[in-house]
């Protein structure tokens, strides 16, 4: 299982129809109108204050901050607020500045809490145990997805290579488990730069969190913190919003094989391998 790269998202955004496409068993992406917010439009929104007052600097000092406030945000306003800080963070990406990514995710989380997805959702009827996702809007390097999950549906264990994310529950409930790669002895990997254990070899991951998200609660992951996760919808299913920020155009997810049993009973470490 993998999420699309920016290039693949843009290729499908050119489609002039809305036809469901099953990209793996039980996983369907439908192509409705994908909102493409131009840079000129974003600048106009920012110049107008996005219809908000009380702007104060938060997050990455490189960016001059994002606007604080309580007013609801449209998806255009959400993207216009996020993009300037995202582009500055990516341009200044260096190992010594990786802490900026955490500040950025905190700021995005506060903004996402003020966004309500549009309805109705253009998606085929989901079968029992299925989930689907819809690329609702994109302003590279940011793409916003809406995700629907039927009761008990599972998004299998996967990483987020070269991109980060903020996942928020809007309806229902969802269990989200996050993991990190256990660094090998003697040769640490720069996970944020895409250095990971090789294909075909097993390695270890350690569970950092196991949380049930209900409406208004969210989960964040950076390129080297909580980057691997496993998501299971609750008994009533769920609707989620996911904001991805791509540091490279080739950013994508890679699935992992595991048997969900820790190496030690009651432990937090698991043996995994990349799916072929």
Foldseek 3Di string as FASTA:
>chain_A
DKDDFLVVVVVLLPDPDWDWDAPDVQEIETHDNAAEQDPVNLVVCVVVVVPDDDAQAFADPQQRHFGDDQAAHEPSNLCSRLPSLLVSCLVPDDPVCVVSQVRSQVRSLRNVLRYDDDDDDPDDDRDAQHKYKYFRYDDPVKTKIKIWGAAFHKDAKKFWQQKKKKKFFAAAKKKKWFKAFDADPPDGAPQNNPGDDDAPDKGKIFIDDIDMHHHSDMDIDHSGGSRIMMMTGHRHITMMMMMMGGSDSRIMMWGKDFPPQAPDHVGGMTIIHTDD
